[in-house]
Amino acid sequence: MTEKLSIAQASAIAAEDFAGEGDDTSKSNMFTIGDLAREFGVTLRTLRFYEDKNLITPHRDGLNRLYTRRDRARLKLVLMGKRVGFSLSEIKDMLDLYDLRDGQVTQLKVALGKFNEQISILERQKKDIEQALTELRRTVAVVSGLLKEKEQAGAT
């Protein structure tokens, strides 16, 4: 299994694959469904699902799916996006902006806006979780105290 990458590292690597020079369909730049499943720790079913959602678009060699570096980069970004809470629809919208061929200015602006929105959402969720944990810990302390009192009263 591959070493876990930070989101920034995954984004940088994926960007290199998107902008890669040369023939993306040469044998050295092609991956099988099994290759990608192993590399990213996902199931074949997951990859087929992402294909159905047009997040990745492998080439076909008979019944075999062959993925390019671009597909691999898109998969990295899909998995990264899911990990930080984006929906597949939001991820697809951002990925599709890579195809605009505008030097990625539009894509970068949209992605930056969405990333900042997601940071705000996650920060609110973190605050809510921290508050819930504090309340739950207080409740555990009260219930533990009550239980201890009951046990001591029952022992006398």
N, C-alpha and C. Protein backbone atom coordinates (compact mmCIF):
# COMPACT_ATOMS: atom_id res chain seq x y z
N MET A 1 0.85 -1.18 0.00
CA MET A 1 0.00 0.00 0.00
C MET A 1 0.89 1.24 0.00
N THR A 2 0.42 2.31 -0.65
CA THR A 2 1.23 3.51 -0.75
C THR A 2 1.16 4.32 0.53
N GLU A 3 2.17 5.14 0.74
CA GLU A 3 2.23 6.02 1.90
C GLU A 3 1.15 7.07 1.76
N LYS A 4 0.50 7.41 2.88
CA LYS A 4 -0.55 8.43 2.86
C LYS A 4 0.08 9.79 2.53
N LEU A 5 -0.54 10.49 1.60
CA LEU A 5 -0.07 11.82 1.22
C LEU A 5 -0.95 12.88 1.84
N SER A 6 -0.38 14.05 2.12
CA SER A 6 -1.20 15.16 2.57
C SER A 6 -2.04 15.61 1.38
N ILE A 7 -3.07 16.35 1.68
CA ILE A 7 -3.95 16.86 0.62
C ILE A 7 -3.16 17.76 -0.33
N ALA A 8 -2.27 18.59 0.21
CA ALA A 8 -1.47 19.48 -0.64
C ALA A 8 -0.56 18.67 -1.56
N GLN A 9 0.07 17.62 -1.01
CA GLN A 9 0.95 16.78 -1.83
C GLN A 9 0.15 16.07 -2.92
N ALA A 10 -1.01 15.53 -2.56
CA ALA A 10 -1.84 14.83 -3.54
C ALA A 10 -2.27 15.79 -4.65
N SER A 11 -2.64 17.01 -4.27
CA SER A 11 -3.04 18.01 -5.26
C SER A 11 -1.90 18.34 -6.21
N ALA A 12 -0.70 18.50 -5.66
CA ALA A 12 0.46 18.84 -6.50
C ALA A 12 0.78 17.71 -7.47
N ILE A 13 0.75 16.48 -6.97
CA ILE A 13 1.04 15.33 -7.83
C ILE A 13 -0.03 15.19 -8.91
N ALA A 14 -1.29 15.35 -8.51
CA ALA A 14 -2.38 15.25 -9.47
C ALA A 14 -2.27 16.35 -10.52
N ALA A 15 -1.89 17.55 -10.10
CA ALA A 15 -1.74 18.65 -11.06
C ALA A 15 -0.65 18.33 -12.07
N GLU A 16 0.44 17.70 -11.62
CA GLU A 16 1.51 17.30 -12.54
C GLU A 16 0.98 16.30 -13.56
N ASP A 17 0.17 15.34 -13.11
CA ASP A 17 -0.40 14.35 -14.03
C ASP A 17 -1.35 14.99 -15.02
N PHE A 18 -2.13 15.98 -14.56
CA PHE A 18 -3.05 16.67 -15.47
C PHE A 18 -2.27 17.43 -16.54
N ALA A 19 -1.16 18.03 -16.12
CA ALA A 19 -0.40 18.88 -17.03
C ALA A 19 0.73 18.13 -17.72
N GLY A 20 0.78 16.82 -17.52
CA GLY A 20 1.89 16.02 -18.05
C GLY A 20 2.07 16.16 -19.54
N GLU A 21 3.30 16.16 -19.96
CA GLU A 21 3.63 16.27 -21.37
C GLU A 21 3.71 14.89 -21.99
N GLY A 22 3.62 14.83 -23.30
CA GLY A 22 3.84 13.57 -24.00
C GLY A 22 2.57 12.77 -24.20
N ASP A 23 2.77 11.57 -24.70
CA ASP A 23 1.67 10.68 -25.05
C ASP A 23 1.14 10.01 -23.79
N ASP A 24 -0.05 10.41 -23.38
CA ASP A 24 -0.67 9.88 -22.17
C ASP A 24 -1.15 8.45 -22.34
N THR A 25 -1.19 7.97 -23.58
CA THR A 25 -1.71 6.62 -23.81
C THR A 25 -0.61 5.61 -24.10
N SER A 26 0.66 5.98 -23.89
CA SER A 26 1.73 4.99 -24.06
C SER A 26 1.61 3.96 -22.95
N LYS A 27 2.14 2.77 -23.18
CA LYS A 27 2.01 1.66 -22.21
C LYS A 27 2.50 2.05 -20.82
N SER A 28 3.58 2.86 -20.74
CA SER A 28 4.12 3.22 -19.43
C SER A 28 3.21 4.18 -18.67
N ASN A 29 2.28 4.81 -19.37
CA ASN A 29 1.36 5.75 -18.75
C ASN A 29 -0.04 5.16 -18.56
N MET A 30 -0.18 3.86 -18.75
CA MET A 30 -1.49 3.22 -18.63
C MET A 30 -1.54 2.35 -17.37
N PHE A 31 -2.71 2.30 -16.77
CA PHE A 31 -2.92 1.53 -15.55
C PHE A 31 -4.17 0.68 -15.71
N THR A 32 -4.13 -0.52 -15.17
CA THR A 32 -5.32 -1.36 -15.19
C THR A 32 -6.20 -1.00 -14.00
N ILE A 33 -7.42 -1.50 -14.01
CA ILE A 33 -8.32 -1.25 -12.90
C ILE A 33 -7.74 -1.82 -11.61
N GLY A 34 -7.07 -2.97 -11.72
CA GLY A 34 -6.43 -3.58 -10.55
C GLY A 34 -5.28 -2.75 -10.02
N ASP A 35 -4.51 -2.16 -10.94
CA ASP A 35 -3.39 -1.29 -10.54
C ASP A 35 -3.91 -0.14 -9.66
N LEU A 36 -4.95 0.53 -10.14
CA LEU A 36 -5.46 1.69 -9.40
C LEU A 36 -6.15 1.27 -8.11
N ALA A 37 -6.86 0.16 -8.15
CA ALA A 37 -7.52 -0.32 -6.93
C ALA A 37 -6.48 -0.60 -5.84
N ARG A 38 -5.40 -1.25 -6.22
CA ARG A 38 -4.34 -1.55 -5.24
C ARG A 38 -3.65 -0.27 -4.76
N GLU A 39 -3.30 0.60 -5.69
CA GLU A 39 -2.58 1.81 -5.33
C GLU A 39 -3.37 2.69 -4.37
N PHE A 40 -4.67 2.80 -4.60
CA PHE A 40 -5.47 3.73 -3.79
C PHE A 40 -6.31 3.04 -2.72
N GLY A 41 -6.22 1.73 -2.64
CA GLY A 41 -6.95 1.01 -1.60
C GLY A 41 -8.46 1.10 -1.76
N VAL A 42 -8.92 1.06 -3.01
CA VAL A 42 -10.37 1.08 -3.27
C VAL A 42 -10.75 -0.21 -3.99
N THR A 43 -12.03 -0.47 -4.03
CA THR A 43 -12.50 -1.69 -4.69
C THR A 43 -12.69 -1.44 -6.19
N LEU A 44 -12.75 -2.54 -6.93
CA LEU A 44 -13.03 -2.44 -8.37
C LEU A 44 -14.41 -1.82 -8.57
N ARG A 45 -15.33 -2.18 -7.69
CA ARG A 45 -16.69 -1.64 -7.77
C ARG A 45 -16.68 -0.12 -7.63
N THR A 46 -15.85 0.39 -6.72
CA THR A 46 -15.72 1.83 -6.54
C THR A 46 -15.25 2.50 -7.82
N LEU A 47 -14.24 1.92 -8.46
CA LEU A 47 -13.73 2.49 -9.70
C LEU A 47 -14.79 2.46 -10.80
N ARG A 48 -15.53 1.37 -10.88
CA ARG A 48 -16.61 1.31 -11.89
C ARG A 48 -17.70 2.33 -11.58
N PHE A 49 -17.98 2.54 -10.29
CA PHE A 49 -18.97 3.56 -9.88
C PHE A 49 -18.50 4.95 -10.32
N TYR A 50 -17.22 5.26 -10.07
CA TYR A 50 -16.69 6.56 -10.48
C TYR A 50 -16.73 6.70 -12.00
N GLU A 51 -16.53 5.60 -12.70
CA GLU A 51 -16.65 5.64 -14.16
C GLU A 51 -18.09 5.95 -14.56
N ASP A 52 -19.05 5.31 -13.91
CA ASP A 52 -20.47 5.56 -14.21
C ASP A 52 -20.84 7.02 -13.96
N LYS A 53 -20.18 7.64 -13.00
CA LYS A 53 -20.44 9.05 -12.67
C LYS A 53 -19.60 10.01 -13.52
N ASN A 54 -18.86 9.45 -14.49
CA ASN A 54 -18.00 10.24 -15.38
C ASN A 54 -16.92 11.03 -14.65
N LEU A 55 -16.46 10.49 -13.54
CA LEU A 55 -15.34 11.11 -12.83
C LEU A 55 -14.02 10.65 -13.42
N ILE A 56 -14.00 9.43 -13.91
CA ILE A 56 -12.85 8.88 -14.63
C ILE A 56 -13.39 8.23 -15.89
N THR A 57 -12.57 8.24 -16.94
CA THR A 57 -13.03 7.72 -18.23
C THR A 57 -11.95 6.84 -18.86
N PRO A 58 -11.90 5.59 -18.44
CA PRO A 58 -10.86 4.71 -18.98
C PRO A 58 -11.08 4.40 -20.46
N HIS A 59 -9.98 4.07 -21.11
CA HIS A 59 -10.05 3.57 -22.47
C HIS A 59 -10.40 2.09 -22.39
N ARG A 60 -10.95 1.56 -23.45
CA ARG A 60 -11.30 0.14 -23.47
C ARG A 60 -10.39 -0.60 -24.43
N ASP A 61 -9.93 -1.75 -23.97
CA ASP A 61 -9.19 -2.69 -24.81
C ASP A 61 -9.96 -4.00 -24.68
N GLY A 62 -10.96 -4.15 -25.54
CA GLY A 62 -11.87 -5.28 -25.37
C GLY A 62 -12.70 -5.04 -24.13
N LEU A 63 -12.67 -5.99 -23.20
CA LEU A 63 -13.39 -5.83 -21.95
C LEU A 63 -12.54 -5.18 -20.86
N ASN A 64 -11.27 -4.95 -21.15
CA ASN A 64 -10.35 -4.39 -20.16
C ASN A 64 -10.44 -2.87 -20.13
N ARG A 65 -10.40 -2.33 -18.92
CA ARG A 65 -10.34 -0.88 -18.73
C ARG A 65 -8.87 -0.49 -18.57
N LEU A 66 -8.48 0.53 -19.32
CA LEU A 66 -7.11 1.05 -19.20
C LEU A 66 -7.20 2.53 -18.86
N TYR A 67 -6.54 2.89 -17.76
CA TYR A 67 -6.60 4.25 -17.25
C TYR A 67 -5.30 4.99 -17.57
N THR A 68 -5.45 6.28 -17.90
CA THR A 68 -4.30 7.12 -18.20
C THR A 68 -3.82 7.82 -16.92
N ARG A 69 -2.71 8.53 -17.05
CA ARG A 69 -2.22 9.34 -15.92
C ARG A 69 -3.27 10.36 -15.52
N ARG A 70 -3.99 10.89 -16.50
CA ARG A 70 -5.05 11.86 -16.22
C ARG A 70 -6.15 11.22 -15.37
N ASP A 71 -6.56 10.00 -15.73
CA ASP A 71 -7.57 9.30 -14.92
C ASP A 71 -7.05 9.08 -13.50
N ARG A 72 -5.79 8.71 -13.41
CA ARG A 72 -5.16 8.46 -12.11
C ARG A 72 -5.17 9.75 -11.28
N ALA A 73 -4.85 10.87 -11.92
CA ALA A 73 -4.86 12.16 -11.23
C ALA A 73 -6.27 12.52 -10.79
N ARG A 74 -7.24 12.30 -11.66
CA ARG A 74 -8.63 12.58 -11.31
C ARG A 74 -9.06 11.72 -10.13
N LEU A 75 -8.66 10.45 -10.13
CA LEU A 75 -9.01 9.56 -9.03
C LEU A 75 -8.41 10.08 -7.72
N LYS A 76 -7.16 10.52 -7.77
CA LYS A 76 -6.51 11.08 -6.57
C LYS A 76 -7.33 12.24 -6.03
N LEU A 77 -7.76 13.12 -6.93
CA LEU A 77 -8.51 14.29 -6.51
C LEU A 77 -9.90 13.92 -6.01
N VAL A 78 -10.52 12.92 -6.62
CA VAL A 78 -11.82 12.45 -6.14
C VAL A 78 -11.70 11.96 -4.71
N LEU A 79 -10.72 11.11 -4.46
CA LEU A 79 -10.54 10.53 -3.13
C LEU A 79 -10.17 11.61 -2.11
N MET A 80 -9.34 12.55 -2.51
CA MET A 80 -8.98 13.66 -1.63
C MET A 80 -10.22 14.50 -1.32
N GLY A 81 -10.99 14.80 -2.36
CA GLY A 81 -12.21 15.60 -2.16
C GLY A 81 -13.20 14.93 -1.23
N LYS A 82 -13.37 13.63 -1.40
CA LYS A 82 -14.26 12.88 -0.51
C LYS A 82 -13.76 12.92 0.92
N ARG A 83 -12.46 12.81 1.10
CA ARG A 83 -11.88 12.78 2.44
C ARG A 83 -12.12 14.10 3.18
N VAL A 84 -12.19 15.21 2.46
CA VAL A 84 -12.42 16.49 3.12
C VAL A 84 -13.87 16.94 3.07
N GLY A 85 -14.76 16.06 2.60
CA GLY A 85 -16.18 16.31 2.73
C GLY A 85 -16.92 16.84 1.52
N PHE A 86 -16.30 16.88 0.35
CA PHE A 86 -17.01 17.31 -0.84
C PHE A 86 -17.90 16.19 -1.36
N SER A 87 -19.03 16.55 -1.95
CA SER A 87 -19.89 15.57 -2.60
C SER A 87 -19.27 15.20 -3.95
N LEU A 88 -19.68 14.06 -4.49
CA LEU A 88 -19.17 13.67 -5.81
C LEU A 88 -19.57 14.69 -6.87
N SER A 89 -20.73 15.28 -6.74
CA SER A 89 -21.17 16.30 -7.69
C SER A 89 -20.26 17.53 -7.65
N GLU A 90 -19.91 17.96 -6.44
CA GLU A 90 -18.99 19.11 -6.30
C GLU A 90 -17.62 18.77 -6.86
N ILE A 91 -17.16 17.56 -6.59
CA ILE A 91 -15.85 17.12 -7.09
C ILE A 91 -15.87 17.10 -8.62
N LYS A 92 -16.93 16.56 -9.20
CA LYS A 92 -17.03 16.49 -10.66
C LYS A 92 -17.00 17.90 -11.27
N ASP A 93 -17.74 18.82 -10.67
CA ASP A 93 -17.76 20.20 -11.18
C ASP A 93 -16.36 20.80 -11.19
N MET A 94 -15.61 20.59 -10.12
CA MET A 94 -14.25 21.14 -10.05
C MET A 94 -13.33 20.44 -11.06
N LEU A 95 -13.45 19.12 -11.17
CA LEU A 95 -12.61 18.38 -12.12
C LEU A 95 -12.89 18.80 -13.55
N ASP A 96 -14.16 19.00 -13.86
CA ASP A 96 -14.53 19.37 -15.23
C ASP A 96 -13.95 20.72 -15.63
N LEU A 97 -13.66 21.57 -14.65
CA LEU A 97 -13.06 22.86 -14.96
C LEU A 97 -11.65 22.71 -15.50
N TYR A 98 -10.98 21.58 -15.18
CA TYR A 98 -9.64 21.34 -15.74
C TYR A 98 -9.69 21.27 -17.27
N ASP A 99 -10.85 20.90 -17.80
CA ASP A 99 -10.98 20.72 -19.24
C ASP A 99 -11.20 22.04 -19.98
N LEU A 100 -11.30 23.15 -19.27
CA LEU A 100 -11.55 24.43 -19.93
C LEU A 100 -10.36 24.95 -20.71
N ARG A 101 -9.16 24.44 -20.41
CA ARG A 101 -7.93 24.85 -21.11
C ARG A 101 -7.68 26.35 -21.02
N ASP A 102 -8.00 26.95 -19.87
CA ASP A 102 -7.75 28.38 -19.71
C ASP A 102 -6.51 28.64 -18.87
N GLY A 103 -5.59 27.70 -18.87
CA GLY A 103 -4.41 27.84 -18.04
C GLY A 103 -4.72 27.61 -16.58
N GLN A 104 -5.85 27.02 -16.31
CA GLN A 104 -6.32 26.62 -14.98
C GLN A 104 -6.67 27.81 -14.09
N VAL A 105 -6.74 29.02 -14.61
CA VAL A 105 -7.08 30.18 -13.79
C VAL A 105 -8.50 30.03 -13.25
N THR A 106 -9.45 29.71 -14.12
CA THR A 106 -10.84 29.54 -13.68
C THR A 106 -10.93 28.41 -12.67
N GLN A 107 -10.30 27.29 -12.99
CA GLN A 107 -10.35 26.13 -12.10
C GLN A 107 -9.77 26.48 -10.74
N LEU A 108 -8.65 27.17 -10.73
CA LEU A 108 -8.00 27.52 -9.47
C LEU A 108 -8.86 28.47 -8.64
N LYS A 109 -9.49 29.44 -9.28
CA LYS A 109 -10.36 30.38 -8.56
C LYS A 109 -11.57 29.66 -7.97
N VAL A 110 -12.20 28.82 -8.76
CA VAL A 110 -13.37 28.08 -8.27
C VAL A 110 -12.96 27.14 -7.15
N ALA A 111 -11.86 26.41 -7.36
CA ALA A 111 -11.39 25.47 -6.34
C ALA A 111 -11.05 26.21 -5.05
N LEU A 112 -10.37 27.33 -5.15
CA LEU A 112 -10.01 28.10 -3.97
C LEU A 112 -11.26 28.53 -3.20
N GLY A 113 -12.25 29.00 -3.92
CA GLY A 113 -13.51 29.39 -3.27
C GLY A 113 -14.18 28.22 -2.58
N LYS A 114 -14.24 27.09 -3.26
CA LYS A 114 -14.86 25.89 -2.68
C LYS A 114 -14.06 25.38 -1.49
N PHE A 115 -12.73 25.41 -1.59
CA PHE A 115 -11.90 24.96 -0.48
C PHE A 115 -12.13 25.84 0.75
N ASN A 116 -12.19 27.16 0.55
CA ASN A 116 -12.43 28.06 1.68
C ASN A 116 -13.80 27.83 2.29
N GLU A 117 -14.82 27.59 1.45
CA GLU A 117 -16.16 27.26 1.96
C GLU A 117 -16.12 25.98 2.78
N GLN A 118 -15.41 24.98 2.28
CA GLN A 118 -15.34 23.70 2.98
C GLN A 118 -14.59 23.83 4.30
N ILE A 119 -13.56 24.67 4.32
CA ILE A 119 -12.84 24.92 5.57
C ILE A 119 -13.79 25.52 6.60
N SER A 120 -14.62 26.46 6.19
CA SER A 120 -15.59 27.06 7.11
C SER A 120 -16.57 26.02 7.63
N ILE A 121 -17.06 25.18 6.73
CA ILE A 121 -18.00 24.12 7.13
C ILE A 121 -17.34 23.18 8.13
N LEU A 122 -16.13 22.74 7.82
CA LEU A 122 -15.43 21.80 8.71
C LEU A 122 -15.10 22.44 10.05
N GLU A 123 -14.75 23.74 10.05
CA GLU A 123 -14.48 24.42 11.32
C GLU A 123 -15.74 24.50 12.18
N ARG A 124 -16.90 24.78 11.54
CA ARG A 124 -18.17 24.80 12.30
C ARG A 124 -18.47 23.40 12.86
N GLN A 125 -18.27 22.37 12.01
CA GLN A 125 -18.50 21.00 12.48
C GLN A 125 -17.56 20.64 13.63
N LYS A 126 -16.31 21.07 13.53
CA LYS A 126 -15.34 20.79 14.59
C LYS A 126 -15.79 21.44 15.89
N LYS A 127 -16.24 22.69 15.82
CA LYS A 127 -16.72 23.39 17.01
C LYS A 127 -17.93 22.66 17.59
N ASP A 128 -18.87 22.25 16.73
CA ASP A 128 -20.05 21.51 17.19
C ASP A 128 -19.66 20.19 17.85
N ILE A 129 -18.70 19.49 17.25
CA ILE A 129 -18.24 18.21 17.81
C ILE A 129 -17.56 18.43 19.15
N GLU A 130 -16.72 19.47 19.24
CA GLU A 130 -16.04 19.76 20.50
C GLU A 130 -17.06 20.09 21.60
N GLN A 131 -18.10 20.84 21.25
CA GLN A 131 -19.15 21.17 22.22
C GLN A 131 -19.91 19.91 22.62
N ALA A 132 -20.24 19.07 21.67
CA ALA A 132 -20.95 17.82 21.97
C ALA A 132 -20.10 16.92 22.87
N LEU A 133 -18.79 16.84 22.60
CA LEU A 133 -17.91 16.04 23.44
C LEU A 133 -17.85 16.57 24.87
N THR A 134 -17.77 17.89 25.01
CA THR A 134 -17.75 18.49 26.34
C THR A 134 -19.03 18.15 27.10
N GLU A 135 -20.16 18.30 26.44
CA GLU A 135 -21.45 18.00 27.08
C GLU A 135 -21.55 16.52 27.42
N LEU A 136 -21.10 15.67 26.52
CA LEU A 136 -21.16 14.23 26.76
C LEU A 136 -20.24 13.83 27.91
N ARG A 137 -19.06 14.43 27.98
CA ARG A 137 -18.15 14.13 29.10
C ARG A 137 -18.75 14.57 30.44
N ARG A 138 -19.43 15.73 30.46
CA ARG A 138 -20.11 16.18 31.67
C ARG A 138 -21.19 15.19 32.07
N THR A 139 -21.96 14.74 31.09
CA THR A 139 -23.03 13.77 31.36
C THR A 139 -22.46 12.46 31.88
N VAL A 140 -21.36 12.01 31.29
CA VAL A 140 -20.71 10.78 31.77
C VAL A 140 -20.27 10.95 33.21
N ALA A 141 -19.73 12.11 33.54
CA ALA A 141 -19.28 12.36 34.92
C ALA A 141 -20.47 12.32 35.88
N VAL A 142 -21.58 12.95 35.50
CA VAL A 142 -22.77 12.96 36.36
C VAL A 142 -23.33 11.55 36.52
N VAL A 143 -23.48 10.83 35.41
CA VAL A 143 -24.03 9.47 35.47
C VAL A 143 -23.09 8.55 36.25
N SER A 144 -21.79 8.70 36.06
CA SER A 144 -20.82 7.89 36.81
C SER A 144 -20.95 8.16 38.30
N GLY A 145 -21.11 9.44 38.66
CA GLY A 145 -21.30 9.81 40.06
C GLY A 145 -22.56 9.20 40.63
N LEU A 146 -23.67 9.27 39.87
CA LEU A 146 -24.93 8.67 40.32
C LEU A 146 -24.79 7.17 40.49
N LEU A 147 -24.13 6.53 39.54
CA LEU A 147 -23.94 5.08 39.62
C LEU A 147 -23.11 4.72 40.84
N LYS A 148 -22.08 5.49 41.08
CA LYS A 148 -21.20 5.22 42.24
C LYS A 148 -22.00 5.36 43.54
N GLU A 149 -22.84 6.41 43.62
CA GLU A 149 -23.69 6.61 44.80
C GLU A 149 -24.63 5.43 45.00
N LYS A 150 -25.26 4.99 43.91
CA LYS A 150 -26.21 3.87 43.98
C LYS A 150 -25.51 2.59 44.41
N GLU A 151 -24.33 2.37 43.85
CA GLU A 151 -23.58 1.17 44.20
C GLU A 151 -23.17 1.20 45.68
N GLN A 152 -22.74 2.38 46.15
CA GLN A 152 -22.34 2.51 47.55
C GLN A 152 -23.55 2.36 48.49
N ALA A 153 -24.69 2.92 48.06
CA ALA A 153 -25.91 2.80 48.88
C ALA A 153 -26.37 1.36 48.94
N GLY A 154 -26.21 0.63 47.84
CA GLY A 154 -26.63 -0.77 47.79
C GLY A 154 -25.70 -1.67 48.57
N ALA A 155 -24.47 -1.23 48.78
CA ALA A 155 -23.48 -2.04 49.47
C ALA A 155 -23.60 -1.88 50.99
N THR A 156 -24.32 -0.84 51.44
CA THR A 156 -24.42 -0.64 52.90
C THR A 156 -25.60 -1.32 53.53
